Amino acid sequence: MKAKEIILLILIIVVGVSFHQLYTGKIDVYFDFEDDFIIVSNEYDYEDYQELEPPFPPLIQVSNSHGDIEILGTDDEKITVSHRKKVWRRKEEDAQKIADELTMNVQKEADRWTISTNRDEFRRKNIRTSFIISVPSRMDVEVRNSYGTVDVANVKNADITNRHGETIVSDIAGELFLKNSYRDVEVKNIDSDIYLESNNSSVFVSRVKGKAHIVHRYGKIYANNISKDVKVEGSHSDVNGENLKGPLEIESSYRKIFLMDVGPTKIIGHSCEIEVERAEEYLDIKDNYGKVKVTDLKGNLVIDGKNLEISGRTIVGEKIDIKSSYRNIELSEFSGKTTIVLSHGEVTLEPYPLTYPLEVRGDYSTIKLSWPLGKKYPFEARVKNGDIEWGLPEEVSIQEEDHTRTIKAFIEAIESPSIFLYTSYRTIWVTE
C-alpha cells in the first residue's frame, strides 16, 4: 500500500473508533467559548450540599455562569443548596482535583445573601457549575447566569438575567423582571407586573394579574390571560395574543400579529400582517405594506396605512375611519360613522342599516356599495372622468359638469344618515 493510503486508512479507523466512543458516551466533546480549543475528554460529575439556617435576609442572590440554576420556594424555614459540578478532563484524578478546588461561596450581608462559585479563578474552564436551591417562599430572588437553564418558582419577587439560556418562571407572588437571549422563555402565574426583555427566542407568557411589558426582537411572542395593560415593543417578532383585557400597545415589523379576545388595542406595524378577532372598545392600527383583517369588533375602528389591504366583518361602533392606498378595502356587516379614503384600489361595502353617515373618497379607485336593505338614505355619488352605475329601481337626478358626473337619490329622507361617494377615473357601483 502507498503511504497516502495507509495514512487515510489510519484516519478512518481513528474517526470510527472516536465516533463509537462518543456515541456510547465513553468520551465527551466539550467546547467552552472561554478556552482556545476543543477538548476531547471524559465527563465527571460531583456534588456538594449545604443547608443554611435562619435568620434570613429578604433577598437571595445567585451568581453563576455556564450552568443551570433551579430555585424553588417552599414552606420550610431553611435554605438548602445543592452545588453540582461537571468537569471535563482526560484523567479522573485531574477531574477530582479540580472538583475539590471548585467551591461554593456564600457571602452574607444584612439585606442579602449571595451564592456563587470560584469558577473564574480557573485558567482553563472546561467545567460547568449548577445549583438546585430551595428557599422560603416569602423571599425575593435575584439570578445572574449565562449558558444554562434557569428555573424559578414559588417565590415573592424575581429579578433574572440569563444570557444565552432558557428561562422558566412560575408562581411568583410579586413582580418579575427578566432578561435573556437566544433561548426560549416561559412565564406563567405571576400575581403582579412583569418586565421581560428577550431576543432571538420564543416567549410564552400566560396568567399574569398585573401589567406586562415585553421588549423583543427576532422570534415569537405568545401571550394569554393577562389582566391589565400589555405593551409589546417588537422588531421582527411574531405576536400572538389571546384573552388580553388591555389596554394593549403592540409594535412589530415584518411578521404577523394575531390577537383574539382583546380589549382596547393600539397596533403599530411595519410591513406586518395583522389579524384581530373579537375586540372591544377600540382598535387603532397603523401599518404599511401589509394586510389587516378585523372580525367582530364592538367599538371604534381606526386604520391608517399605505399599500395596505384591509378587510373587516361585523364591526359595530360609533366611528370607522380608514385610510390606505394601492390595495383593496372590503367591509361587511358594519355600523358607525364611516369615513374611507383610498387611492389606487377598490372599496367594497356591505353595511348594516345605517345609524351614522357613510362617506367614501377615492382617487383612481373603484367603489362598490351594496345598498343597506329596506331603507332610504340621502345619497350623492360624484365621479370625475369616470362612471356611475345605479342598480336600484328608484329614479335619480343626474348632473354633468366639467368632466364630473353627479347623481342624487332619496334627497327627501333628511332624517336618515347620508351616503356620499366620490372617486376619479374609475366607476362607482350601487347594487341592491
Protein backbone atom coordinates (compact mmCIF):
# COMPACT_ATOMS: atom_id res chain seq x y z
CA MET A 1 0.00 0.00 0.00
CA LYS A 2 1.11 3.52 -0.68
CA ALA A 3 1.89 5.87 2.20
CA LYS A 4 -1.12 8.08 1.46
CA GLU A 5 -3.44 5.06 1.50
CA ILE A 6 -2.02 3.88 4.85
CA ILE A 7 -2.49 7.33 6.39
CA LEU A 8 -6.07 7.51 5.07
CA LEU A 9 -6.84 4.04 6.48
CA ILE A 10 -5.47 5.01 9.90
CA LEU A 11 -7.51 8.21 9.84
CA ILE A 12 -10.68 6.28 9.01
CA ILE A 13 -10.06 3.85 11.88
CA VAL A 14 -9.40 6.70 14.35
CA VAL A 15 -12.54 8.55 13.30
CA GLY A 16 -14.63 5.39 13.52
CA VAL A 17 -13.35 4.47 16.97
CA SER A 18 -13.83 8.08 18.19
CA PHE A 19 -17.36 8.18 16.86
CA HIS A 20 -18.17 4.91 18.60
CA GLN A 21 -16.77 6.24 21.87
CA LEU A 22 -18.79 9.42 21.57
CA TYR A 23 -21.95 7.55 20.64
CA THR A 24 -21.67 5.17 23.57
CA GLY A 25 -20.91 8.02 25.98
CA LYS A 26 -17.42 6.83 26.90
CA ILE A 27 -15.94 10.21 25.98
CA ASP A 28 -17.39 13.67 25.53
CA VAL A 29 -16.58 16.52 23.23
CA TYR A 30 -16.79 19.67 25.27
CA PHE A 31 -16.49 23.17 23.86
CA ASP A 32 -16.15 26.20 26.09
CA PHE A 33 -16.05 29.64 24.49
CA GLU A 34 -13.59 30.79 27.13
CA ASP A 35 -10.98 28.21 26.06
CA ASP A 36 -8.82 28.40 22.98
CA PHE A 37 -9.60 24.98 21.58
CA ILE A 38 -11.85 21.95 21.79
CA ILE A 39 -11.06 19.35 24.39
CA VAL A 40 -11.93 15.70 23.84
CA SER A 41 -12.11 14.22 27.31
CA ASN A 42 -14.16 12.37 29.87
CA GLU A 43 -17.00 13.92 31.86
CA TYR A 44 -17.04 13.61 35.67
CA ASP A 45 -19.88 14.68 37.96
CA TYR A 46 -19.60 15.86 41.56
CA GLU A 47 -21.98 17.39 44.08
CA ASP A 48 -21.70 19.40 47.30
CA TYR A 49 -24.62 20.03 49.63
CA GLN A 50 -25.14 22.76 52.19
CA GLU A 51 -28.02 23.76 54.47
CA LEU A 52 -28.27 27.38 55.64
CA GLU A 53 -30.05 28.34 58.84
CA PRO A 54 -32.08 31.46 59.69
CA PRO A 55 -32.37 34.33 60.31
CA PHE A 56 -32.52 35.07 56.60
CA PRO A 57 -32.33 38.37 54.72
CA PRO A 58 -35.20 39.37 52.38
CA LEU A 59 -33.14 38.66 49.25
CA ILE A 60 -31.13 35.71 47.91
CA GLN A 61 -28.75 36.36 45.02
CA VAL A 62 -27.30 33.64 42.82
CA SER A 63 -24.37 34.47 40.54
CA ASN A 64 -23.24 31.80 38.10
CA SER A 65 -22.11 31.12 34.56
CA HIS A 66 -22.02 28.07 32.31
CA GLY A 67 -24.54 26.03 34.23
CA ASP A 68 -28.14 25.59 35.31
CA ILE A 69 -29.97 27.15 38.23
CA GLU A 70 -33.17 25.82 39.80
CA ILE A 71 -34.78 27.74 42.67
CA LEU A 72 -37.96 26.59 44.41
CA GLY A 73 -39.80 28.37 47.18
CA THR A 74 -41.10 26.13 49.98
CA ASP A 75 -42.84 26.43 53.34
CA ASP A 76 -39.69 25.32 55.18
CA GLU A 77 -37.72 27.80 57.27
CA LYS A 78 -34.40 26.84 55.77
CA ILE A 79 -32.32 27.23 52.64
CA THR A 80 -30.77 24.18 51.01
CA VAL A 81 -28.18 24.33 48.25
CA SER A 82 -27.02 21.52 46.02
CA HIS A 83 -23.92 22.56 44.09
CA ARG A 84 -23.38 20.32 41.09
CA LYS A 85 -20.12 20.29 39.15
CA LYS A 86 -19.29 18.81 35.77
CA VAL A 87 -15.59 18.56 35.00
CA TRP A 88 -14.09 17.51 31.66
CA ARG A 89 -10.59 16.04 31.94
CA ARG A 90 -8.74 13.12 30.43
CA LYS A 91 -7.96 11.57 33.81
CA GLU A 92 -10.24 11.11 36.80
CA GLU A 93 -7.58 12.22 39.29
CA ASP A 94 -7.24 15.53 37.43
CA ALA A 95 -11.00 15.99 37.49
CA GLN A 96 -11.17 15.17 41.20
CA LYS A 97 -8.53 17.77 41.97
CA ILE A 98 -10.45 20.44 40.05
CA ALA A 99 -13.71 19.44 41.79
CA ASP A 100 -12.08 19.73 45.21
CA GLU A 101 -10.81 23.22 44.39
CA LEU A 102 -14.10 24.32 42.81
CA THR A 103 -16.16 25.58 45.75
CA MET A 104 -19.41 27.33 46.51
CA ASN A 105 -19.28 30.71 48.26
CA VAL A 106 -21.98 32.28 50.43
CA GLN A 107 -21.46 35.95 51.14
CA LYS A 108 -23.75 37.19 53.91
CA GLU A 109 -24.84 40.80 54.21
CA ALA A 110 -27.64 42.38 56.20
CA ASP A 111 -30.02 42.82 53.26
CA ARG A 112 -28.95 39.88 51.07
CA TRP A 113 -27.02 36.64 50.82
CA THR A 114 -25.07 35.94 47.62
CA ILE A 115 -24.38 32.39 46.43
CA SER A 116 -21.61 31.98 43.84
CA THR A 117 -18.55 29.87 42.95
CA ASN A 118 -14.85 30.45 42.39
CA ARG A 119 -15.06 29.25 38.76
CA ASP A 120 -13.41 32.43 37.47
CA GLU A 121 -10.21 31.54 39.29
CA PHE A 122 -9.52 28.64 36.92
CA ARG A 123 -7.42 29.38 33.86
CA ARG A 124 -8.82 26.51 31.83
CA LYS A 125 -12.51 26.20 32.47
CA ASN A 126 -13.96 23.04 30.86
CA ILE A 127 -16.30 22.96 33.84
CA ARG A 128 -19.97 23.66 34.48
CA THR A 129 -21.44 24.70 37.80
CA SER A 130 -25.13 24.29 38.57
CA PHE A 131 -27.35 24.92 41.60
CA ILE A 132 -30.55 23.42 42.96
CA ILE A 133 -31.76 25.69 45.75
CA SER A 134 -34.80 25.73 47.99
CA VAL A 135 -35.73 28.92 49.86
CA PRO A 136 -38.67 30.11 51.97
CA SER A 137 -41.38 31.19 49.54
CA ARG A 138 -41.64 34.70 51.04
CA MET A 139 -38.10 35.57 49.85
CA ASP A 140 -37.06 37.70 46.87
CA VAL A 141 -34.69 36.11 44.34
CA GLU A 142 -32.08 37.64 42.05
CA VAL A 143 -30.30 35.48 39.47
CA ARG A 144 -27.37 36.27 37.18
CA ASN A 145 -26.48 33.39 34.88
CA SER A 146 -25.32 32.52 31.38
CA TYR A 147 -25.17 29.48 29.08
CA GLY A 148 -27.61 27.41 31.09
CA THR A 149 -31.24 26.95 32.07
CA VAL A 150 -32.79 28.98 34.88
CA ASP A 151 -35.98 27.68 36.53
CA VAL A 152 -37.54 29.75 39.33
CA ALA A 153 -40.86 29.00 41.04
CA ASN A 154 -42.95 29.95 44.06
CA VAL A 155 -41.04 32.95 45.39
CA LYS A 156 -42.03 36.56 46.10
CA ASN A 157 -40.27 38.92 43.65
CA ALA A 158 -37.82 37.70 40.99
CA ASP A 159 -35.10 39.52 39.04
CA ILE A 160 -33.46 37.26 36.46
CA THR A 161 -30.79 37.85 33.83
CA ASN A 162 -29.79 34.76 31.87
CA ARG A 163 -27.69 35.38 28.78
CA HIS A 164 -27.83 32.56 26.24
CA GLY A 165 -30.08 30.48 28.46
CA GLU A 166 -33.59 29.04 28.56
CA THR A 167 -35.62 30.61 31.35
CA ILE A 168 -38.72 29.21 33.08
CA VAL A 169 -40.57 31.18 35.77
CA SER A 170 -43.84 30.35 37.50
CA ASP A 171 -45.94 31.13 40.57
CA ILE A 172 -44.42 34.47 41.50
CA ALA A 173 -46.31 36.29 44.27
CA GLY A 174 -44.89 39.72 43.35
CA GLU A 175 -43.14 41.32 40.38
CA LEU A 176 -40.92 39.72 37.75
CA PHE A 177 -38.01 41.35 35.92
CA LEU A 178 -36.42 39.10 33.30
CA LYS A 179 -33.77 39.41 30.58
CA ASN A 180 -32.38 36.68 28.34
CA SER A 181 -31.34 35.93 24.75
CA TYR A 182 -31.00 33.09 22.23
CA ARG A 183 -33.15 30.65 24.22
CA ASP A 184 -36.87 30.37 24.94
CA VAL A 185 -38.71 31.96 27.85
CA GLU A 186 -41.77 30.57 29.64
CA VAL A 187 -43.57 32.67 32.25
CA LYS A 188 -46.86 31.81 33.98
CA ASN A 189 -48.85 32.56 37.11
CA ILE A 190 -47.50 35.99 38.05
CA ASP A 191 -49.52 37.91 40.64
CA SER A 192 -48.14 41.37 39.81
CA ASP A 193 -46.35 43.22 36.98
CA ILE A 194 -43.71 41.79 34.68
CA TYR A 195 -40.97 43.34 32.53
CA LEU A 196 -39.47 40.92 30.03
CA GLU A 197 -36.67 41.56 27.55
CA SER A 198 -35.53 38.89 25.11
CA ASN A 199 -34.24 38.42 21.57
CA ASN A 200 -33.72 35.59 19.10
CA SER A 201 -36.16 33.49 21.09
CA SER A 202 -39.73 32.33 21.58
CA VAL A 203 -41.50 33.91 24.55
CA PHE A 204 -44.53 32.36 26.28
CA VAL A 205 -46.38 34.49 28.86
CA SER A 206 -49.65 33.41 30.49
CA ARG A 207 -51.82 34.15 33.52
CA VAL A 208 -50.46 37.50 34.65
CA LYS A 209 -52.60 39.51 37.08
CA GLY A 210 -50.63 42.75 36.68
CA LYS A 211 -49.20 44.69 33.75
CA ALA A 212 -46.91 43.14 31.17
CA HIS A 213 -44.15 44.96 29.26
CA ILE A 214 -42.33 42.83 26.67
CA VAL A 215 -39.35 44.02 24.63
CA HIS A 216 -38.42 41.50 21.94
CA ARG A 217 -36.53 41.04 18.67
CA TYR A 218 -36.38 38.18 16.17
CA GLY A 219 -38.66 35.40 17.27
CA LYS A 220 -42.18 34.71 18.52
CA ILE A 221 -44.30 36.02 21.37
CA TYR A 222 -47.27 34.10 22.78
CA ALA A 223 -49.29 35.94 25.43
CA ASN A 224 -52.61 34.96 27.00
CA ASN A 225 -54.73 35.68 30.06
CA ILE A 226 -53.17 38.98 31.13
CA SER A 227 -55.47 41.11 33.28
CA LYS A 228 -54.05 44.62 32.89
CA ASP A 229 -52.03 46.72 30.45
CA VAL A 230 -49.90 44.94 27.87
CA LYS A 231 -47.11 46.69 25.98
CA VAL A 232 -45.08 44.88 23.33
CA GLU A 233 -42.07 46.54 21.71
CA GLY A 234 -41.15 44.10 18.99
CA SER A 235 -38.92 44.01 15.94
CA HIS A 236 -39.19 41.08 13.51
CA SER A 237 -41.44 39.47 16.13
CA ASP A 238 -44.47 37.25 15.55
CA VAL A 239 -47.04 38.31 18.14
CA ASN A 240 -49.88 36.01 19.21
CA GLY A 241 -52.22 37.23 21.96
CA GLU A 242 -55.45 35.86 23.45
CA ASN A 243 -57.67 36.99 26.29
CA LEU A 244 -55.80 40.23 26.93
CA LYS A 245 -58.03 42.70 28.76
CA GLY A 246 -55.84 45.68 27.93
CA PRO A 247 -55.29 48.39 27.12
CA LEU A 248 -52.81 46.96 24.60
CA GLU A 249 -49.95 48.68 22.78
CA ILE A 250 -48.21 46.45 20.26
CA GLU A 251 -45.46 47.26 17.79
CA SER A 252 -43.60 44.92 15.46
CA SER A 253 -42.21 44.62 11.95
CA TYR A 254 -42.17 42.13 9.06
CA ARG A 255 -44.05 39.43 10.99
CA LYS A 256 -47.67 38.52 11.74
CA ILE A 257 -49.66 39.94 14.62
CA PHE A 258 -52.67 37.85 15.64
CA LEU A 259 -54.98 38.82 18.51
CA MET A 260 -58.15 37.21 19.83
CA ASP A 261 -60.50 38.29 22.63
CA VAL A 262 -58.80 41.57 23.47
CA GLY A 263 -59.70 44.92 24.99
CA PRO A 264 -58.82 48.40 23.69
CA THR A 265 -55.86 47.97 21.35
CA LYS A 266 -53.34 50.12 19.50
CA ILE A 267 -51.07 48.45 16.94
CA ILE A 268 -48.14 49.90 15.02
CA GLY A 269 -46.91 47.57 12.31
CA HIS A 270 -44.18 47.88 9.72
CA SER A 271 -44.92 45.58 6.77
CA CYS A 272 -46.95 43.31 9.06
CA GLU A 273 -49.91 41.04 8.52
CA ILE A 274 -52.39 41.93 11.27
CA GLU A 275 -55.44 39.89 12.25
CA VAL A 276 -57.78 40.68 15.15
CA GLU A 277 -60.78 38.60 16.20
CA ARG A 278 -63.25 39.67 18.90
CA ALA A 279 -62.10 43.01 20.26
CA GLU A 280 -63.85 45.61 22.41
CA GLU A 281 -63.83 49.41 22.95
CA TYR A 282 -61.48 50.45 20.14
CA LEU A 283 -58.92 49.21 17.64
CA ASP A 284 -56.31 51.66 16.30
CA ILE A 285 -53.94 50.31 13.63
CA LYS A 286 -51.08 51.88 11.70
CA ASP A 287 -49.28 49.75 9.13
CA ASN A 288 -47.65 49.97 5.71
CA TYR A 289 -47.15 47.35 3.00
CA GLY A 290 -49.14 44.74 4.85
CA LYS A 291 -52.58 43.27 5.38
CA VAL A 292 -55.21 43.89 8.06
CA LYS A 293 -58.19 41.68 8.87
CA VAL A 294 -60.70 42.56 11.61
CA THR A 295 -63.58 40.33 12.69
CA ASP A 296 -66.19 41.01 15.38
CA LEU A 297 -65.22 44.39 16.82
CA LYS A 298 -67.52 46.06 19.34
CA GLY A 299 -66.02 49.50 19.31
CA ASN A 300 -64.37 52.13 17.13
CA LEU A 301 -62.02 51.25 14.30
CA VAL A 302 -59.20 53.47 13.03
CA ILE A 303 -56.79 52.21 10.35
CA ASP A 304 -54.12 54.38 8.73
CA GLY A 305 -51.69 52.96 6.20
CA LYS A 306 -50.13 52.86 2.78
CA ASN A 307 -50.15 49.88 0.42
CA LEU A 308 -52.38 48.22 2.99
CA GLU A 309 -55.03 45.60 2.18
CA ILE A 310 -57.94 45.83 4.61
CA SER A 311 -60.92 43.57 5.30
CA GLY A 312 -63.44 43.77 8.13
CA ARG A 313 -66.58 41.94 9.15
CA THR A 314 -69.09 42.50 11.97
CA ILE A 315 -67.86 45.86 13.21
CA VAL A 316 -70.21 47.89 15.40
CA GLY A 317 -69.05 51.17 16.90
CA GLU A 318 -69.56 54.90 16.76
CA LYS A 319 -66.67 55.56 14.34
CA ILE A 320 -64.92 53.75 11.49
CA ASP A 321 -62.07 55.73 9.94
CA ILE A 322 -59.87 54.07 7.27
CA LYS A 323 -57.09 55.43 5.04
CA SER A 324 -55.00 53.41 2.60
CA SER A 325 -53.61 53.20 -0.92
CA TYR A 326 -52.85 50.77 -3.76
CA ARG A 327 -54.67 47.87 -2.11
CA ASN A 328 -58.33 46.91 -1.67
CA ILE A 329 -60.67 47.66 1.22
CA GLU A 330 -63.60 45.35 1.95
CA LEU A 331 -66.09 45.83 4.80
CA SER A 332 -69.27 43.89 5.54
CA GLU A 333 -71.81 43.90 8.37
CA PHE A 334 -70.60 47.18 9.84
CA SER A 335 -72.20 50.15 11.52
CA GLY A 336 -70.91 53.54 12.70
CA LYS A 337 -69.90 56.91 11.28
CA THR A 338 -67.75 55.62 8.45
CA THR A 339 -65.10 57.57 6.55
CA ILE A 340 -62.90 55.82 3.99
CA VAL A 341 -60.12 57.42 1.95
CA LEU A 342 -58.39 55.29 -0.71
CA SER A 343 -56.22 55.87 -3.76
CA HIS A 344 -55.48 53.30 -6.47
CA GLY A 345 -57.58 50.45 -5.15
CA GLU A 346 -61.11 49.10 -4.77
CA VAL A 347 -63.63 49.66 -1.98
CA THR A 348 -66.37 47.06 -1.43
CA LEU A 349 -69.01 47.82 1.21
CA GLU A 350 -71.93 45.80 2.60
CA PRO A 351 -73.11 47.81 5.63
CA TYR A 352 -75.77 47.17 8.23
CA PRO A 353 -78.74 49.60 8.12
CA LEU A 354 -77.10 52.97 8.72
CA THR A 355 -77.16 54.73 12.08
CA TYR A 356 -74.43 57.25 11.11
CA PRO A 357 -73.29 58.85 7.82
CA LEU A 358 -71.19 56.89 5.33
CA GLU A 359 -68.54 58.69 3.24
CA VAL A 360 -66.01 57.30 0.77
CA ARG A 361 -63.43 59.42 -1.06
CA GLY A 362 -61.39 57.67 -3.69
CA ASP A 363 -58.77 58.56 -6.27
CA TYR A 364 -58.30 56.13 -9.14
CA SER A 365 -60.45 53.78 -7.02
CA THR A 366 -63.48 51.67 -7.85
CA ILE A 367 -66.29 51.85 -5.27
CA LYS A 368 -68.88 49.07 -4.86
CA LEU A 369 -71.78 49.62 -2.44
CA SER A 370 -74.46 47.07 -1.59
CA TRP A 371 -77.39 49.23 -0.50
CA PRO A 372 -78.49 48.69 3.12
CA LEU A 373 -81.70 46.70 2.91
CA GLY A 374 -85.14 48.18 3.41
CA LYS A 375 -84.34 51.84 3.99
CA LYS A 376 -83.84 55.12 2.13
CA TYR A 377 -80.87 57.38 2.83
CA PRO A 378 -79.95 60.73 1.26
CA PHE A 379 -77.48 59.67 -1.42
CA GLU A 380 -74.92 61.51 -3.53
CA ALA A 381 -72.30 59.97 -5.79
CA ARG A 382 -69.77 62.01 -7.73
CA VAL A 383 -67.12 60.82 -10.18
CA LYS A 384 -64.55 62.71 -12.25
CA ASN A 385 -63.60 61.20 -15.59
CA GLY A 386 -65.40 58.01 -14.65
CA ASP A 387 -68.87 56.48 -14.47
CA ILE A 388 -71.65 55.67 -12.00
CA GLU A 389 -73.76 52.50 -12.26
CA TRP A 390 -77.02 52.88 -10.30
CA GLY A 391 -78.60 49.47 -9.76
CA LEU A 392 -81.68 50.39 -7.67
CA PRO A 393 -85.15 50.78 -9.22
CA GLU A 394 -85.66 54.29 -7.82
CA GLU A 395 -85.04 57.24 -10.10
CA VAL A 396 -82.05 59.54 -9.58
CA SER A 397 -81.16 63.07 -10.65
CA ILE A 398 -78.11 63.36 -12.88
CA GLN A 399 -75.82 66.33 -13.36
CA GLU A 400 -72.71 66.56 -15.53
CA GLU A 401 -70.24 69.43 -15.48
CA ASP A 402 -66.50 69.80 -16.19
CA HIS A 403 -65.90 66.03 -16.73
CA THR A 404 -67.67 65.33 -13.40
CA ARG A 405 -70.87 63.34 -13.12
CA THR A 406 -73.10 63.60 -10.05
CA ILE A 407 -76.22 61.62 -9.18
CA LYS A 408 -78.53 62.10 -6.21
CA ALA A 409 -81.31 59.99 -4.73
CA PHE A 410 -83.66 60.00 -1.73
CA ILE A 411 -83.00 63.69 -1.07
CA GLU A 412 -86.27 63.89 0.85
CA ALA A 413 -85.08 61.39 3.53
CA ILE A 414 -83.43 64.19 5.51
CA GLU A 415 -83.85 62.49 8.90
CA SER A 416 -81.79 59.48 7.87
CA PRO A 417 -77.96 59.26 7.80
CA SER A 418 -76.46 60.29 4.46
CA ILE A 419 -74.27 58.43 1.95
CA PHE A 420 -71.60 60.26 -0.07
CA LEU A 421 -69.30 58.56 -2.59
CA TYR A 422 -66.57 60.20 -4.68
CA THR A 423 -63.85 58.87 -6.99
CA SER A 424 -61.92 59.70 -10.13
CA TYR A 425 -61.09 57.78 -13.32
CA ARG A 426 -62.99 54.73 -12.12
CA THR A 427 -66.59 53.53 -11.61
CA ILE A 428 -68.99 53.73 -8.68
CA TRP A 429 -71.33 50.71 -8.48
CA VAL A 430 -74.50 50.76 -6.36
CA THR A 431 -76.45 47.49 -6.18
CA GLU A 432 -79.35 46.08 -4.18
